[in-house]
Amino acid sequence: MGGLSWIHWLLLGVVALLLFGGRGKVSDLMGDFGRGINSFKKGLNEKEEPRVINAEEKTKDTAPR
C-alpha cells in the first residue's frame, strides 16, 4: 500500500510523454480549441436573414419542365 506498481509508472510515463513530448502539442491543442470556440461564438452572433421570394421566382420554381 502506498507504492506505485509498474502499471502506475507506465501511465505516468504516457501522460508525461503526451504533455511534454515535442513540438508543443498541448499549446497547439489549446490554440485549436480556442479557435473553435471563437468561430462558434461568431456563428451564434451572425444573424441569418430570411430569404424573400418574389413572384417571378415563384413562377420559375413551379413551372413544369
PDB file of N, CA and C in Angstrom:
ATOM      1  N   MET A   1       0.841  -1.173   0.000  1.00  0.00           N
ATOM      2  CA  MET A   1       0.000   0.000   0.000  1.00  0.00           C
ATOM      3  C   MET A   1       0.887   1.237   0.000  1.00  0.00           C
ATOM      4  N   GLY A   2       0.575   2.202  -0.839  1.00  0.00           N
ATOM      5  CA  GLY A   2       1.355   3.424  -0.882  1.00  0.00           C
ATOM      6  C   GLY A   2       2.429   3.420  -1.957  1.00  0.00           C
ATOM      7  N   GLY A   3       2.773   2.246  -2.468  1.00  0.00           N
ATOM      8  CA  GLY A   3       3.786   2.176  -3.510  1.00  0.00           C
ATOM      9  C   GLY A   3       3.133   2.200  -4.891  1.00  0.00           C
ATOM     10  N   LEU A   4       3.939   2.525  -5.876  1.00  0.00           N
ATOM     11  CA  LEU A   4       3.432   2.549  -7.238  1.00  0.00           C
ATOM     12  C   LEU A   4       3.848   1.274  -7.959  1.00  0.00           C
ATOM     13  N   SER A   5       2.880   0.609  -8.572  1.00  0.00           N
ATOM     14  CA  SER A   5       3.195  -0.595  -9.328  1.00  0.00           C
ATOM     15  C   SER A   5       3.677  -0.206 -10.720  1.00  0.00           C
ATOM     16  N   TRP A   6       4.039  -1.181 -11.516  1.00  0.00           N
ATOM     17  CA  TRP A   6       4.575  -0.917 -12.850  1.00  0.00           C
ATOM     18  C   TRP A   6       3.526  -0.256 -13.753  1.00  0.00           C
ATOM     19  N   ILE A   7       2.242  -0.600 -13.564  1.00  0.00           N
ATOM     20  CA  ILE A   7       1.199  -0.009 -14.409  1.00  0.00           C
ATOM     21  C   ILE A   7       1.034   1.478 -14.095  1.00  0.00           C
ATOM     22  N   HIS A   8       1.197   1.865 -12.826  1.00  0.00           N
ATOM     23  CA  HIS A   8       1.138   3.278 -12.458  1.00  0.00           C
ATOM     24  C   HIS A   8       2.278   4.061 -13.113  1.00  0.00           C
ATOM     25  N   TRP A   9       3.479   3.492 -13.082  1.00  0.00           N
ATOM     26  CA  TRP A   9       4.628   4.158 -13.707  1.00  0.00           C
ATOM     27  C   TRP A   9       4.437   4.276 -15.218  1.00  0.00           C
ATOM     28  N   LEU A  10       3.860   3.229 -15.809  1.00  0.00           N
ATOM     29  CA  LEU A  10       3.605   3.257 -17.248  1.00  0.00           C
ATOM     30  C   LEU A  10       2.601   4.356 -17.602  1.00  0.00           C
ATOM     31  N   LEU A  11       1.522   4.459 -16.840  1.00  0.00           N
ATOM     32  CA  LEU A  11       0.530   5.500 -17.084  1.00  0.00           C
ATOM     33  C   LEU A  11       1.119   6.898 -16.883  1.00  0.00           C
ATOM     34  N   LEU A  12       1.920   7.067 -15.838  1.00  0.00           N
ATOM     35  CA  LEU A  12       2.570   8.355 -15.611  1.00  0.00           C
ATOM     36  C   LEU A  12       3.513   8.708 -16.763  1.00  0.00           C
ATOM     37  N   GLY A  13       4.216   7.713 -17.273  1.00  0.00           N
ATOM     38  CA  GLY A  13       5.107   7.951 -18.400  1.00  0.00           C
ATOM     39  C   GLY A  13       4.355   8.348 -19.660  1.00  0.00           C
ATOM     40  N   VAL A  14       3.238   7.701 -19.926  1.00  0.00           N
ATOM     41  CA  VAL A  14       2.435   8.032 -21.103  1.00  0.00           C
ATOM     42  C   VAL A  14       1.878   9.447 -20.990  1.00  0.00           C
ATOM     43  N   VAL A  15       1.381   9.808 -19.817  1.00  0.00           N
ATOM     44  CA  VAL A  15       0.842  11.152 -19.609  1.00  0.00           C
ATOM     45  C   VAL A  15       1.946  12.191 -19.765  1.00  0.00           C
ATOM     46  N   ALA A  16       3.114  11.946 -19.200  1.00  0.00           N
ATOM     47  CA  ALA A  16       4.235  12.880 -19.323  1.00  0.00           C
ATOM     48  C   ALA A  16       4.666  13.015 -20.773  1.00  0.00           C
ATOM     49  N   LEU A  17       4.680  11.911 -21.505  1.00  0.00           N
ATOM     50  CA  LEU A  17       5.045  11.959 -22.921  1.00  0.00           C
ATOM     51  C   LEU A  17       4.040  12.772 -23.722  1.00  0.00           C
ATOM     52  N   LEU A  18       2.760  12.613 -23.429  1.00  0.00           N
ATOM     53  CA  LEU A  18       1.738  13.374 -24.133  1.00  0.00           C
ATOM     54  C   LEU A  18       1.831  14.865 -23.819  1.00  0.00           C
ATOM     55  N   LEU A  19       2.085  15.194 -22.567  1.00  0.00           N
ATOM     56  CA  LEU A  19       2.128  16.597 -22.171  1.00  0.00           C
ATOM     57  C   LEU A  19       3.404  17.304 -22.610  1.00  0.00           C
ATOM     58  N   PHE A  20       4.522  16.642 -22.470  1.00  0.00           N
ATOM     59  CA  PHE A  20       5.799  17.315 -22.691  1.00  0.00           C
ATOM     60  C   PHE A  20       6.569  16.813 -23.897  1.00  0.00           C
ATOM     61  N   GLY A  21       6.004  15.904 -24.644  1.00  0.00           N
ATOM     62  CA  GLY A  21       6.729  15.303 -25.753  1.00  0.00           C
ATOM     63  C   GLY A  21       6.687  16.120 -27.021  1.00  0.00           C
ATOM     64  N   GLY A  22       7.690  16.894 -27.274  1.00  0.00           N
ATOM     65  CA  GLY A  22       7.967  17.572 -28.526  1.00  0.00           C
ATOM     66  C   GLY A  22       6.885  18.424 -29.171  1.00  0.00           C
ATOM     67  N   ARG A  23       7.324  19.475 -29.831  1.00  0.00           N
ATOM     68  CA  ARG A  23       6.547  20.356 -30.697  1.00  0.00           C
ATOM     69  C   ARG A  23       5.365  21.037 -30.021  1.00  0.00           C
ATOM     70  N   GLY A  24       5.294  21.116 -28.733  1.00  0.00           N
ATOM     71  CA  GLY A  24       4.249  21.867 -28.056  1.00  0.00           C
ATOM     72  C   GLY A  24       2.848  21.394 -28.386  1.00  0.00           C
ATOM     73  N   LYS A  25       2.611  20.126 -28.244  1.00  0.00           N
ATOM     74  CA  LYS A  25       1.309  19.559 -28.610  1.00  0.00           C
ATOM     75  C   LYS A  25       0.172  20.163 -27.794  1.00  0.00           C
ATOM     76  N   VAL A  26       0.433  20.428 -26.514  1.00  0.00           N
ATOM     77  CA  VAL A  26      -0.616  20.977 -25.659  1.00  0.00           C
ATOM     78  C   VAL A  26      -0.977  22.382 -26.111  1.00  0.00           C
ATOM     79  N   SER A  27       0.022  23.193 -26.432  1.00  0.00           N
ATOM     80  CA  SER A  27      -0.276  24.557 -26.868  1.00  0.00           C
ATOM     81  C   SER A  27      -0.998  24.554 -28.218  1.00  0.00           C
ATOM     82  N   ASP A  28      -0.632  23.646 -29.111  1.00  0.00           N
ATOM     83  CA  ASP A  28      -1.347  23.512 -30.383  1.00  0.00           C
ATOM     84  C   ASP A  28      -2.799  23.104 -30.150  1.00  0.00           C
ATOM     85  N   LEU A  29      -2.984  22.160 -29.234  1.00  0.00           N
ATOM     86  CA  LEU A  29      -4.327  21.681 -28.923  1.00  0.00           C
ATOM     87  C   LEU A  29      -5.176  22.798 -28.329  1.00  0.00           C
ATOM     88  N   MET A  30      -4.609  23.568 -27.412  1.00  0.00           N
ATOM     89  CA  MET A  30      -5.348  24.669 -26.794  1.00  0.00           C
ATOM     90  C   MET A  30      -5.635  25.776 -27.813  1.00  0.00           C
ATOM     91  N   GLY A  31      -4.710  26.012 -28.735  1.00  0.00           N
ATOM     92  CA  GLY A  31      -4.944  27.007 -29.784  1.00  0.00           C
ATOM     93  C   GLY A  31      -6.090  26.596 -30.686  1.00  0.00           C
ATOM     94  N   ASP A  32      -6.132  25.321 -31.067  1.00  0.00           N
ATOM     95  CA  ASP A  32      -7.229  24.815 -31.883  1.00  0.00           C
ATOM     96  C   ASP A  32      -8.555  24.902 -31.138  1.00  0.00           C
ATOM     97  N   PHE A  33      -8.516  24.604 -29.855  1.00  0.00           N
ATOM     98  CA  PHE A  33      -9.712  24.672 -29.022  1.00  0.00           C
ATOM     99  C   PHE A  33     -10.228  26.108 -28.944  1.00  0.00           C
ATOM    100  N   GLY A  34      -9.322  27.062 -28.759  1.00  0.00           N
ATOM    101  CA  GLY A  34      -9.705  28.477 -28.694  1.00  0.00           C
ATOM    102  C   GLY A  34     -10.278  28.974 -30.009  1.00  0.00           C
ATOM    103  N   ARG A  35      -9.661  28.572 -31.131  1.00  0.00           N
ATOM    104  CA  ARG A  35     -10.191  28.970 -32.438  1.00  0.00           C
ATOM    105  C   ARG A  35     -11.579  28.373 -32.674  1.00  0.00           C
ATOM    106  N   GLY A  36     -11.787  27.169 -32.223  1.00  0.00           N
ATOM    107  CA  GLY A  36     -13.094  26.537 -32.362  1.00  0.00           C
ATOM    108  C   GLY A  36     -14.164  27.274 -31.571  1.00  0.00           C
ATOM    109  N   ILE A  37     -13.836  27.672 -30.356  1.00  0.00           N
ATOM    110  CA  ILE A  37     -14.794  28.420 -29.537  1.00  0.00           C
ATOM    111  C   ILE A  37     -15.091  29.769 -30.164  1.00  0.00           C
ATOM    112  N   ASN A  38     -14.064  30.456 -30.657  1.00  0.00           N
ATOM    113  CA  ASN A  38     -14.283  31.763 -31.286  1.00  0.00           C
ATOM    114  C   ASN A  38     -15.162  31.657 -32.530  1.00  0.00           C
ATOM    115  N   SER A  39     -14.935  30.642 -33.353  1.00  0.00           N
ATOM    116  CA  SER A  39     -15.765  30.501 -34.549  1.00  0.00           C
ATOM    117  C   SER A  39     -17.191  30.112 -34.182  1.00  0.00           C
ATOM    118  N   PHE A  40     -17.357  29.354 -33.102  1.00  0.00           N
ATOM    119  CA  PHE A  40     -18.698  29.005 -32.633  1.00  0.00           C
ATOM    120  C   PHE A  40     -19.442  30.254 -32.162  1.00  0.00           C
ATOM    121  N   LYS A  41     -18.762  31.104 -31.390  1.00  0.00           N
ATOM    122  CA  LYS A  41     -19.381  32.347 -30.925  1.00  0.00           C
ATOM    123  C   LYS A  41     -19.729  33.261 -32.093  1.00  0.00           C
ATOM    124  N   LYS A  42     -18.841  33.333 -33.067  1.00  0.00           N
ATOM    125  CA  LYS A  42     -19.095  34.156 -34.252  1.00  0.00           C
ATOM    126  C   LYS A  42     -20.318  33.641 -35.004  1.00  0.00           C
ATOM    127  N   GLY A  43     -20.445  32.346 -35.118  1.00  0.00           N
ATOM    128  CA  GLY A  43     -21.596  31.756 -35.787  1.00  0.00           C
ATOM    129  C   GLY A  43     -22.888  32.032 -35.051  1.00  0.00           C
ATOM    130  N   LEU A  44     -22.836  32.070 -33.722  1.00  0.00           N
ATOM    131  CA  LEU A  44     -24.036  32.381 -32.953  1.00  0.00           C
ATOM    132  C   LEU A  44     -24.441  33.840 -33.108  1.00  0.00           C
ATOM    133  N   ASN A  45     -23.474  34.723 -33.268  1.00  0.00           N
ATOM    134  CA  ASN A  45     -23.759  36.150 -33.362  1.00  0.00           C
ATOM    135  C   ASN A  45     -24.234  36.580 -34.744  1.00  0.00           C
ATOM    136  N   GLU A  46     -23.911  35.797 -35.771  1.00  0.00           N
ATOM    137  CA  GLU A  46     -24.345  36.146 -37.119  1.00  0.00           C
ATOM    138  C   GLU A  46     -25.839  35.898 -37.244  1.00  0.00           C
ATOM    139  N   LYS A  47     -26.519  36.895 -37.773  1.00  0.00           N
ATOM    140  CA  LYS A  47     -27.959  36.757 -37.950  1.00  0.00           C
ATOM    141  C   LYS A  47     -28.240  36.270 -39.364  1.00  0.00           C
ATOM    142  N   GLU A  48     -29.078  35.275 -39.448  1.00  0.00           N
ATOM    143  CA  GLU A  48     -29.447  34.732 -40.741  1.00  0.00           C
ATOM    144  C   GLU A  48     -30.631  35.534 -41.270  1.00  0.00           C
ATOM    145  N   GLU A  49     -30.438  36.137 -42.425  1.00  0.00           N
ATOM    146  CA  GLU A  49     -31.501  36.953 -43.000  1.00  0.00           C
ATOM    147  C   GLU A  49     -32.491  36.055 -43.735  1.00  0.00           C
ATOM    148  N   PRO A  50     -33.772  36.290 -43.512  1.00  0.00           N
ATOM    149  CA  PRO A  50     -34.772  35.459 -44.204  1.00  0.00           C
ATOM    150  C   PRO A  50     -34.753  35.731 -45.704  1.00  0.00           C
ATOM    151  N   ARG A  51     -34.944  34.694 -46.466  1.00  0.00           N
ATOM    152  CA  ARG A  51     -34.932  34.813 -47.915  1.00  0.00           C
ATOM    153  C   ARG A  51     -36.326  35.163 -48.390  1.00  0.00           C
ATOM    154  N   VAL A  52     -36.429  36.229 -49.126  1.00  0.00           N
ATOM    155  CA  VAL A  52     -37.720  36.679 -49.642  1.00  0.00           C
ATOM    156  C   VAL A  52     -37.821  36.245 -51.090  1.00  0.00           C
ATOM    157  N   ILE A  53     -38.899  35.530 -51.398  1.00  0.00           N
ATOM    158  CA  ILE A  53     -39.121  35.056 -52.759  1.00  0.00           C
ATOM    159  C   ILE A  53     -40.164  35.961 -53.400  1.00  0.00           C
ATOM    160  N   ASN A  54     -39.782  36.565 -54.506  1.00  0.00           N
ATOM    161  CA  ASN A  54     -40.749  37.419 -55.198  1.00  0.00           C
ATOM    162  C   ASN A  54     -41.579  36.578 -56.172  1.00  0.00           C
ATOM    163  N   ALA A  55     -42.537  37.197 -56.810  1.00  0.00           N
ATOM    164  CA  ALA A  55     -43.479  36.488 -57.685  1.00  0.00           C
ATOM    165  C   ALA A  55     -42.780  35.820 -58.865  1.00  0.00           C
ATOM    166  N   GLU A  56     -41.751  36.447 -59.425  1.00  0.00           N
ATOM    167  CA  GLU A  56     -41.049  35.873 -60.578  1.00  0.00           C
ATOM    168  C   GLU A  56     -40.357  34.575 -60.208  1.00  0.00           C
ATOM    169  N   GLU A  57     -39.738  34.560 -59.042  1.00  0.00           N
ATOM    170  CA  GLU A  57     -39.049  33.351 -58.612  1.00  0.00           C
ATOM    171  C   GLU A  57     -40.038  32.223 -58.351  1.00  0.00           C
ATOM    172  N   LYS A  58     -41.225  32.554 -57.836  1.00  0.00           N
ATOM    173  CA  LYS A  58     -42.226  31.528 -57.581  1.00  0.00           C
ATOM    174  C   LYS A  58     -42.666  30.865 -58.880  1.00  0.00           C
ATOM    175  N   THR A  59     -42.900  31.659 -59.914  1.00  0.00           N
ATOM    176  CA  THR A  59     -43.353  31.074 -61.183  1.00  0.00           C
ATOM    177  C   THR A  59     -42.245  30.252 -61.826  1.00  0.00           C
ATOM    178  N   LYS A  60     -40.979  30.669 -61.651  1.00  0.00           N
ATOM    179  CA  LYS A  60     -39.872  29.888 -62.218  1.00  0.00           C
ATOM    180  C   LYS A  60     -39.747  28.545 -61.511  1.00  0.00           C
ATOM    181  N   ASP A  61     -39.916  28.549 -60.178  1.00  0.00           N
ATOM    182  CA  ASP A  61     -39.764  27.317 -59.419  1.00  0.00           C
ATOM    183  C   ASP A  61     -40.902  26.336 -59.656  1.00  0.00           C
ATOM    184  N   THR A  62     -42.094  26.844 -59.905  1.00  0.00           N
ATOM    185  CA  THR A  62     -43.256  25.959 -60.034  1.00  0.00           C
ATOM    186  C   THR A  62     -43.605  25.637 -61.477  1.00  0.00           C
ATOM    187  N   ALA A  63     -42.921  26.227 -62.435  1.00  0.00           N
ATOM    188  CA  ALA A  63     -43.216  25.995 -63.842  1.00  0.00           C
ATOM    189  C   ALA A  63     -42.844  24.570 -64.212  1.00  0.00           C
ATOM    190  N   PRO A  64     -43.703  23.860 -64.936  1.00  0.00           N
ATOM    191  CA  PRO A  64     -43.387  22.490 -65.356  1.00  0.00           C
ATOM    192  C   PRO A  64     -42.286  22.487 -66.413  1.00  0.00           C
ATOM    193  N   ARG A  65     -41.535  21.458 -66.427  1.00  0.00           N
ATOM    194  CA  ARG A  65     -40.422  21.360 -67.386  1.00  0.00           C
ATOM    195  C   ARG A  65     -40.715  20.369 -68.462  1.00  0.00           C
TER     196      ARG A  65
END
